[in-house]
C-alpha atoms as a PDB file:
ATOM      1  CA  MET A   1       2.210 -24.258  20.244  1.00  0.00           C
ATOM      2  CA  VAL A   2       4.069 -21.283  21.756  1.00  0.00           C
ATOM      3  CA  ASP A   3       2.779 -17.846  20.788  1.00  0.00           C
ATOM      4  CA  HIS A   4       5.136 -15.826  18.584  1.00  0.00           C
ATOM      5  CA  VAL A   5       6.809 -12.854  20.264  1.00  0.00           C
ATOM      6  CA  PHE A   6       6.991 -10.005  17.738  1.00  0.00           C
ATOM      7  CA  THR A   7      10.168  -7.909  17.923  1.00  0.00           C
ATOM      8  CA  ASP A   8      12.349  -5.786  15.644  1.00  0.00           C
ATOM      9  CA  LEU A   9      14.438  -8.936  15.158  1.00  0.00           C
ATOM     10  CA  THR A  10      11.336 -10.615  13.733  1.00  0.00           C
ATOM     11  CA  LEU A  11      10.991  -7.946  11.061  1.00  0.00           C
ATOM     12  CA  ALA A  12      14.709  -8.037  10.287  1.00  0.00           C
ATOM     13  CA  ALA A  13      14.570 -11.807   9.814  1.00  0.00           C
ATOM     14  CA  LEU A  14      11.670 -11.376   7.363  1.00  0.00           C
ATOM     15  CA  TYR A  15      13.233  -8.480   5.444  1.00  0.00           C
ATOM     16  CA  GLU A  16      15.018 -10.414   2.716  1.00  0.00           C
ATOM     17  CA  ARG A  17      12.052 -12.700   2.168  1.00  0.00           C
ATOM     18  CA  LEU A  18       9.920  -9.616   1.606  1.00  0.00           C
ATOM     19  CA  ASN A  19      12.597  -7.982  -0.543  1.00  0.00           C
ATOM     20  CA  PRO A  20      14.250 -10.737  -2.620  1.00  0.00           C
ATOM     21  CA  TRP A  21      17.180  -9.977  -4.902  1.00  0.00           C
ATOM     22  CA  GLY A  22      16.018  -8.282  -8.103  1.00  0.00           C
ATOM     23  CA  PRO A  23      17.058  -6.121 -11.083  1.00  0.00           C
ATOM     24  CA  GLY A  24      17.736  -3.109  -8.861  1.00  0.00           C
ATOM     25  CA  ASP A  25      20.181  -5.134  -6.793  1.00  0.00           C
ATOM     26  CA  ASP A  26      21.975  -6.264  -9.969  1.00  0.00           C
ATOM     27  CA  PHE A  27      22.219  -2.604 -11.042  1.00  0.00           C
ATOM     28  CA  TYR A  28      23.838  -1.544  -7.762  1.00  0.00           C
ATOM     29  CA  LEU A  29      26.057  -4.613  -7.508  1.00  0.00           C
ATOM     30  CA  GLY A  30      27.694  -3.753 -10.822  1.00  0.00           C
ATOM     31  CA  LEU A  31      28.516  -0.283  -9.516  1.00  0.00           C
ATOM     32  CA  VAL A  32      29.830  -1.588  -6.191  1.00  0.00           C
ATOM     33  CA  LEU A  33      32.117  -4.134  -7.809  1.00  0.00           C
ATOM     34  CA  ARG A  34      33.762  -1.377  -9.872  1.00  0.00           C
ATOM     35  CA  ALA A  35      34.370   0.935  -6.905  1.00  0.00           C
ATOM     36  CA  ARG A  36      37.317   0.699  -4.505  1.00  0.00           C
ATOM     37  CA  SER A  37      35.422   1.989  -1.451  1.00  0.00           C
ATOM     38  CA  VAL A  38      31.657   1.952  -0.948  1.00  0.00           C
ATOM     39  CA  LEU A  39      29.245   3.434   1.590  1.00  0.00           C
ATOM     40  CA  ASP A  40      25.771   1.856   1.659  1.00  0.00           C
ATOM     41  CA  ILE A  41      23.445   4.296   3.476  1.00  0.00           C
ATOM     42  CA  GLY A  42      20.426   2.570   5.013  1.00  0.00           C
ATOM     43  CA  CYS A  43      21.938  -0.826   4.247  1.00  0.00           C
ATOM     44  CA  GLY A  44      19.290  -2.874   6.058  1.00  0.00           C
ATOM     45  CA  THR A  45      20.461  -6.452   6.454  1.00  0.00           C
ATOM     46  CA  GLY A  46      23.457  -5.706   4.240  1.00  0.00           C
ATOM     47  CA  GLN A  47      22.437  -7.913   1.346  1.00  0.00           C
ATOM     48  CA  LEU A  48      24.196  -5.777  -1.286  1.00  0.00           C
ATOM     49  CA  LEU A  49      27.569  -5.488   0.441  1.00  0.00           C
ATOM     50  CA  ARG A  50      27.502  -9.108   1.546  1.00  0.00           C
ATOM     51  CA  ARG A  51      27.005 -10.166  -2.067  1.00  0.00           C
ATOM     52  CA  ALA A  52      29.778  -7.839  -3.247  1.00  0.00           C
ATOM     53  CA  ARG A  53      32.240  -9.310  -0.755  1.00  0.00           C
ATOM     54  CA  ALA A  54      31.208 -12.837  -1.700  1.00  0.00           C
ATOM     55  CA  GLU A  55      31.856 -12.007  -5.365  1.00  0.00           C
ATOM     56  CA  GLY A  56      35.390 -10.869  -4.619  1.00  0.00           C
ATOM     57  CA  HIS A  57      35.303  -7.180  -3.699  1.00  0.00           C
ATOM     58  CA  LEU A  58      38.554  -6.605  -1.792  1.00  0.00           C
ATOM     59  CA  GLY A  59      38.203  -2.905  -0.960  1.00  0.00           C
ATOM     60  CA  ARG A  60      36.471  -1.045   1.832  1.00  0.00           C
ATOM     61  CA  LEU A  61      32.763  -1.726   2.282  1.00  0.00           C
ATOM     62  CA  MET A  62      30.739   0.119   4.937  1.00  0.00           C
ATOM     63  CA  GLY A  63      27.061  -0.411   5.668  1.00  0.00           C
ATOM     64  CA  LEU A  64      25.241   2.240   7.718  1.00  0.00           C
ATOM     65  CA  ASP A  65      21.797   1.705   9.236  1.00  0.00           C
ATOM     66  CA  PRO A  66      19.854   3.133  12.213  1.00  0.00           C
ATOM     67  CA  ALA A  67      18.136  -0.192  13.034  1.00  0.00           C
ATOM     68  CA  PRO A  68      20.176  -2.431  15.392  1.00  0.00           C
ATOM     69  CA  ALA A  69      18.168  -5.536  14.470  1.00  0.00           C
ATOM     70  CA  MET A  70      19.025  -5.147  10.790  1.00  0.00           C
ATOM     71  CA  LEU A  71      22.736  -4.961  11.581  1.00  0.00           C
ATOM     72  CA  VAL A  72      22.479  -8.093  13.738  1.00  0.00           C
ATOM     73  CA  GLN A  73      21.498  -9.953  10.576  1.00  0.00           C
ATOM     74  CA  ALA A  74      24.268  -8.289   8.570  1.00  0.00           C
ATOM     75  CA  ARG A  75      27.037  -9.041  11.084  1.00  0.00           C
ATOM     76  CA  ARG A  76      26.014 -12.665  11.453  1.00  0.00           C
ATOM     77  CA  ALA A  77      26.275 -13.216   7.724  1.00  0.00           C
ATOM     78  CA  ARG A  78      29.397 -11.189   6.921  1.00  0.00           C
ATOM     79  CA  PRO A  79      31.694  -9.936   9.703  1.00  0.00           C
ATOM     80  CA  ASP A  80      34.333  -8.837   7.157  1.00  0.00           C
ATOM     81  CA  VAL A  81      32.294  -5.730   6.226  1.00  0.00           C
ATOM     82  CA  GLU A  82      32.147  -2.551   8.359  1.00  0.00           C
ATOM     83  CA  TRP A  83      28.648  -2.369   9.830  1.00  0.00           C
ATOM     84  CA  VAL A  84      27.916   0.956  11.542  1.00  0.00           C
ATOM     85  CA  LEU A  85      24.847   1.771  13.611  1.00  0.00           C
ATOM     86  CA  GLY A  86      23.416   5.220  12.882  1.00  0.00           C
ATOM     87  CA  ASP A  87      22.775   7.643  10.044  1.00  0.00           C
ATOM     88  CA  MET A  88      24.888  10.172   8.137  1.00  0.00           C
ATOM     89  CA  ARG A  89      25.145  12.313  11.285  1.00  0.00           C
ATOM     90  CA  THR A  90      26.958   9.491  13.085  1.00  0.00           C
ATOM     91  CA  ARG A  91      30.444  10.698  12.187  1.00  0.00           C
ATOM     92  CA  LEU A  92      32.427  13.321  10.341  1.00  0.00           C
ATOM     93  CA  TRP A  93      33.165  12.295   6.769  1.00  0.00           C
ATOM     94  CA  ASN A  94      36.355  13.116   4.913  1.00  0.00           C
ATOM     95  CA  GLY A  95      36.109  12.157   1.260  1.00  0.00           C
ATOM     96  CA  GLU A  96      36.943   8.514   1.857  1.00  0.00           C
ATOM     97  CA  PHE A  97      34.482   6.836  -0.520  1.00  0.00           C
ATOM     98  CA  ASP A  98      34.399   6.387  -4.290  1.00  0.00           C
ATOM     99  CA  LEU A  99      30.719   5.424  -4.239  1.00  0.00           C
ATOM    100  CA  ALA A 100      27.800   6.071  -1.919  1.00  0.00           C
ATOM    101  CA  VAL A 101      24.453   4.379  -2.520  1.00  0.00           C
ATOM    102  CA  MET A 102      20.963   4.428  -1.048  1.00  0.00           C
ATOM    103  CA  THR A 103      18.989   1.416  -2.240  1.00  0.00           C
ATOM    104  CA  GLY A 104      15.501   0.071  -1.598  1.00  0.00           C
ATOM    105  CA  HIS A 105      13.941   3.561  -1.861  1.00  0.00           C
ATOM    106  CA  ALA A 106      15.616   4.457   1.441  1.00  0.00           C
ATOM    107  CA  PHE A 107      15.980   8.062   0.244  1.00  0.00           C
ATOM    108  CA  GLN A 108      12.199   8.458   0.472  1.00  0.00           C
ATOM    109  CA  GLU A 109      12.352   7.916   4.229  1.00  0.00           C
ATOM    110  CA  LEU A 110      13.915  11.387   4.466  1.00  0.00           C
ATOM    111  CA  VAL A 111      10.614  13.219   4.755  1.00  0.00           C
ATOM    112  CA  GLY A 112      11.644  16.717   5.886  1.00  0.00           C
ATOM    113  CA  ASP A 113      13.590  19.312   3.905  1.00  0.00           C
ATOM    114  CA  GLU A 114      16.241  19.606   6.618  1.00  0.00           C
ATOM    115  CA  GLU A 115      16.615  15.818   6.806  1.00  0.00           C
ATOM    116  CA  ILE A 116      17.279  15.738   3.079  1.00  0.00           C
ATOM    117  CA  ARG A 117      19.716  18.663   3.210  1.00  0.00           C
ATOM    118  CA  SER A 118      21.631  17.198   6.154  1.00  0.00           C
ATOM    119  CA  CYS A 119      21.951  13.789   4.519  1.00  0.00           C
ATOM    120  CA  LEU A 120      23.064  15.164   1.154  1.00  0.00           C
ATOM    121  CA  GLN A 121      25.626  17.485   2.710  1.00  0.00           C
ATOM    122  CA  ALA A 122      27.097  14.525   4.575  1.00  0.00           C
ATOM    123  CA  VAL A 123      27.112  12.433   1.392  1.00  0.00           C
ATOM    124  CA  ARG A 124      29.016  15.213  -0.359  1.00  0.00           C
ATOM    125  CA  ALA A 125      31.564  15.224   2.473  1.00  0.00           C
ATOM    126  CA  ALA A 126      31.943  11.431   2.286  1.00  0.00           C
ATOM    127  CA  LEU A 127      32.736  11.370  -1.449  1.00  0.00           C
ATOM    128  CA  GLY A 128      36.252  11.752  -2.735  1.00  0.00           C
ATOM    129  CA  ASP A 129      37.238  13.394  -6.019  1.00  0.00           C
ATOM    130  CA  GLY A 130      35.426  11.679  -8.861  1.00  0.00           C
ATOM    131  CA  GLY A 131      33.055   9.956  -6.448  1.00  0.00           C
ATOM    132  CA  ARG A 132      29.448   9.132  -7.264  1.00  0.00           C
ATOM    133  CA  PHE A 133      26.220   9.083  -5.270  1.00  0.00           C
ATOM    134  CA  VAL A 134      23.580   6.733  -6.687  1.00  0.00           C
ATOM    135  CA  PHE A 135      20.053   6.310  -5.355  1.00  0.00           C
ATOM    136  CA  GLU A 136      16.495   5.801  -6.497  1.00  0.00           C
ATOM    137  CA  THR A 137      13.090   7.190  -5.602  1.00  0.00           C
ATOM    138  CA  ARG A 138       9.674   6.179  -6.844  1.00  0.00           C
ATOM    139  CA  ASN A 139       8.488   8.456  -9.621  1.00  0.00           C
ATOM    140  CA  PRO A 140       5.553  10.460  -8.193  1.00  0.00           C
ATOM    141  CA  ALA A 141       3.990  10.704 -11.660  1.00  0.00           C
ATOM    142  CA  ALA A 142       3.491   6.905 -11.642  1.00  0.00           C
ATOM    143  CA  ARG A 143       1.402   7.144  -8.412  1.00  0.00           C
ATOM    144  CA  ALA A 144       2.585   3.801  -6.989  1.00  0.00           C
ATOM    145  CA  TRP A 145       0.773   4.390  -3.686  1.00  0.00           C
ATOM    146  CA  GLU A 146      -2.586   3.923  -5.401  1.00  0.00           C
ATOM    147  CA  ARG A 147      -1.737   0.221  -5.683  1.00  0.00           C
ATOM    148  CA  TRP A 148      -0.874  -0.167  -1.977  1.00  0.00           C
ATOM    149  CA  THR A 149      -4.211  -1.619  -0.927  1.00  0.00           C
ATOM    150  CA  PRO A 150      -5.222  -4.260   1.656  1.00  0.00           C
ATOM    151  CA  GLU A 151      -6.462  -6.490  -1.174  1.00  0.00           C
ATOM    152  CA  ARG A 152      -2.874  -7.003  -2.358  1.00  0.00           C
ATOM    153  CA  VAL A 153      -1.584  -9.457   0.231  1.00  0.00           C
ATOM    154  CA  HIS A 154       1.979 -10.782   0.023  1.00  0.00           C
ATOM    155  CA  GLU A 155       2.551 -14.164   1.641  1.00  0.00           C
ATOM    156  CA  ILE A 156       6.028 -15.299   2.621  1.00  0.00           C
ATOM    157  CA  THR A 157       7.402 -18.129   4.715  1.00  0.00           C
ATOM    158  CA  ALA A 158       9.129 -17.306   7.989  1.00  0.00           C
ATOM    159  CA  GLY A 159      12.283 -19.060   9.152  1.00  0.00           C
ATOM    160  CA  ASP A 160      10.243 -21.553  11.174  1.00  0.00           C
ATOM    161  CA  GLY A 161       8.278 -22.562   8.082  1.00  0.00           C
ATOM    162  CA  THR A 162       5.034 -20.803   9.018  1.00  0.00           C
ATOM    163  CA  PRO A 163       3.292 -18.389   6.640  1.00  0.00           C
ATOM    164  CA  VAL A 164       3.307 -14.644   7.192  1.00  0.00           C
ATOM    165  CA  ARG A 165       0.970 -12.291   5.328  1.00  0.00           C
ATOM    166  CA  VAL A 166       1.812  -8.643   4.666  1.00  0.00           C
ATOM    167  CA  TRP A 167      -0.346  -5.863   3.254  1.00  0.00           C
ATOM    168  CA  HIS A 168      -0.395  -2.065   3.000  1.00  0.00           C
ATOM    169  CA  GLU A 169      -3.047   0.569   3.420  1.00  0.00           C
ATOM    170  CA  VAL A 170      -2.604   4.222   2.461  1.00  0.00           C
ATOM    171  CA  HIS A 171      -4.326   6.913   4.531  1.00  0.00           C
ATOM    172  CA  SER A 172      -7.399   8.202   2.747  1.00  0.00           C
ATOM    173  CA  ASP A 173      -5.747  11.523   1.853  1.00  0.00           C
ATOM    174  CA  GLY A 174      -3.177   9.825  -0.400  1.00  0.00           C
ATOM    175  CA  LEU A 175      -0.412  12.204  -1.474  1.00  0.00           C
ATOM    176  CA  VAL A 176      -0.307  15.361   0.688  1.00  0.00           C
ATOM    177  CA  ASP A 177       2.542  17.873   0.385  1.00  0.00           C
ATOM    178  CA  GLY A 178       4.587  15.270  -1.436  1.00  0.00           C
ATOM    179  CA  ARG A 179       4.190  12.742   1.382  1.00  0.00           C
ATOM    180  CA  VAL A 180       2.261   9.481   1.636  1.00  0.00           C
ATOM    181  CA  ARG A 181       1.291   8.036   5.015  1.00  0.00           C
ATOM    182  CA  PHE A 182       0.482   4.343   5.184  1.00  0.00           C
ATOM    183  CA  THR A 183       0.479   1.260   7.379  1.00  0.00           C
ATOM    184  CA  GLU A 184       2.206  -2.055   6.794  1.00  0.00           C
ATOM    185  CA  THR A 185       0.468  -4.948   8.558  1.00  0.00           C
ATOM    186  CA  TYR A 186       2.074  -8.311   9.360  1.00  0.00           C
ATOM    187  CA  GLU A 187      -0.007 -11.346  10.315  1.00  0.00           C
ATOM    188  CA  GLY A 188       1.356 -14.791  11.209  1.00  0.00           C
ATOM    189  CA  ASP A 189      -0.537 -17.977  12.031  1.00  0.00           C
ATOM    190  CA  THR A 190       1.404 -18.408  15.285  1.00  0.00           C
ATOM    191  CA  TRP A 191       1.222 -14.740  16.328  1.00  0.00           C
ATOM    192  CA  PRO A 192      -1.183 -13.540  19.040  1.00  0.00           C
ATOM    193  CA  ALA A 193      -2.260 -10.558  16.888  1.00  0.00           C
ATOM    194  CA  PRO A 194      -1.357  -8.739  13.669  1.00  0.00           C
ATOM    195  CA  GLN A 195       1.441  -6.200  13.985  1.00  0.00           C
ATOM    196  CA  VAL A 196       1.056  -2.766  12.377  1.00  0.00           C
ATOM    197  CA  CYS A 197       3.907  -0.439  11.362  1.00  0.00           C
ATOM    198  CA  HIS A 198       3.195   3.215  10.507  1.00  0.00           C
ATOM    199  CA  SER A 199       5.331   4.882   7.823  1.00  0.00           C
ATOM    200  CA  VAL A 200       5.706   8.095   5.834  1.00  0.00           C
ATOM    201  CA  LEU A 201       7.481   8.396   2.477  1.00  0.00           C
ATOM    202  CA  ARG A 202       8.445  11.551   0.554  1.00  0.00           C
ATOM    203  CA  PHE A 203       7.913  11.662  -3.211  1.00  0.00           C
ATOM    204  CA  LEU A 204      10.085  14.142  -5.116  1.00  0.00           C
ATOM    205  CA  ASP A 205      10.106  14.830  -8.846  1.00  0.00           C
ATOM    206  CA  GLU A 206      13.241  15.346 -10.958  1.00  0.00           C
ATOM    207  CA  GLU A 207      13.280  19.121 -10.540  1.00  0.00           C
ATOM    208  CA  SER A 208      12.964  18.963  -6.759  1.00  0.00           C
ATOM    209  CA  LEU A 209      15.631  16.293  -6.484  1.00  0.00           C
ATOM    210  CA  GLY A 210      17.974  18.353  -8.646  1.00  0.00           C
ATOM    211  CA  GLY A 211      17.431  21.396  -6.447  1.00  0.00           C
ATOM    212  CA  PHE A 212      18.298  19.584  -3.223  1.00  0.00           C
ATOM    213  CA  LEU A 213      21.363  17.964  -4.818  1.00  0.00           C
ATOM    214  CA  ALA A 214      22.654  21.271  -6.222  1.00  0.00           C
ATOM    215  CA  GLU A 215      22.230  22.949  -2.847  1.00  0.00           C
ATOM    216  CA  ALA A 216      24.450  20.245  -1.312  1.00  0.00           C
ATOM    217  CA  GLY A 217      27.145  20.615  -3.967  1.00  0.00           C
ATOM    218  CA  LEU A 218      26.143  17.607  -6.057  1.00  0.00           C
ATOM    219  CA  THR A 219      25.434  17.591  -9.804  1.00  0.00           C
ATOM    220  CA  VAL A 220      23.165  15.114 -11.574  1.00  0.00           C
ATOM    221  CA  VAL A 221      25.094  13.342 -14.331  1.00  0.00           C
ATOM    222  CA  GLU A 222      22.609  10.597 -15.240  1.00  0.00           C
ATOM    223  CA  GLN A 223      18.985   9.728 -14.502  1.00  0.00           C
ATOM    224  CA  TYR A 224      17.045   6.625 -15.471  1.00  0.00           C
ATOM    225  CA  GLY A 225      13.410   5.612 -15.303  1.00  0.00           C
ATOM    226  CA  ASP A 226      13.993   1.887 -14.852  1.00  0.00           C
ATOM    227  CA  TRP A 227      16.727  -0.639 -14.042  1.00  0.00           C
ATOM    228  CA  GLY A 228      17.404  -1.174 -17.739  1.00  0.00           C
ATOM    229  CA  ARG A 229      18.656   2.453 -17.891  1.00  0.00           C
ATOM    230  CA  GLY A 230      15.687   3.706 -19.888  1.00  0.00           C
ATOM    231  CA  PRO A 231      14.745   7.409 -19.735  1.00  0.00           C
ATOM    232  CA  VAL A 232      12.574   8.897 -17.006  1.00  0.00           C
ATOM    233  CA  THR A 233       8.980   9.037 -18.272  1.00  0.00           C
ATOM    234  CA  PRO A 234       5.632   9.896 -16.616  1.00  0.00           C
ATOM    235  CA  ALA A 235       4.702   6.209 -16.532  1.00  0.00           C
ATOM    236  CA  GLY A 236       8.148   4.979 -15.489  1.00  0.00           C
ATOM    237  CA  PRO A 237       8.313   3.560 -11.947  1.00  0.00           C
ATOM    238  CA  GLU A 238      11.636   5.026 -10.844  1.00  0.00           C
ATOM    239  CA  ILE A 239      13.854   8.074 -10.825  1.00  0.00           C
ATOM    240  CA  ILE A 240      17.323   6.552 -10.542  1.00  0.00           C
ATOM    241  CA  THR A 241      19.893   9.296 -10.027  1.00  0.00           C
ATOM    242  CA  VAL A 242      23.657   9.344 -10.434  1.00  0.00           C
ATOM    243  CA  ALA A 243      25.275  12.484  -9.002  1.00  0.00           C
ATOM    244  CA  ARG A 244      28.857  13.684  -8.517  1.00  0.00           C
ATOM    245  CA  PRO A 245      30.474  16.428  -6.450  1.00  0.00           C
ATOM    246  CA  SER A 246      30.162  19.766  -8.238  1.00  0.00           C
END
């Protein structure tokens, strides 16, 4: 048996198996299908926009992601969507989108204040009159990171039919200055060794989110605590935000 060579393409090929379609995707798909032009920031493998095109969306769809391997997967599956390598600093925006989204908790990967400000200012520039920016973050009050332990192992099947196990481990300090540092470990039966990815996520509460949005010229019009559009509560898992240009 040939040893597995672990690359970014390996992770990209596993992404949708680790993140199967769920209620959050249904929530965003409904919004996308009602918008004429859509920007998906941090689109990953492009699952959302691919599905929208397959279900008949005829307008402009652009997926933006800084990971080349993710966009390889997206382009293979759906070349009739604009797939752009980079982040919101990649180009100058001119009010060309009715809807901008950040799904899969991608917003939490903006860990510094200036990163958040820069992204939100660019989102504001990308939205036309009446546009909406919709994204979700994990509710810090629900303390989701306390359940990211090595004992919770997720097993998926890779494209070659072999099992892959994935688990998380949070640094012992937990939440520090609104940030959680953790590792994500991948282990496959055909791999020479486990592969470890190091990550940091930012957790912001409603007030902090509102402050950053207002500073960028965006106003919160709706917030939900779950994908059924329930209110934000201390125990609720999400803070799902809909904002418009002020």
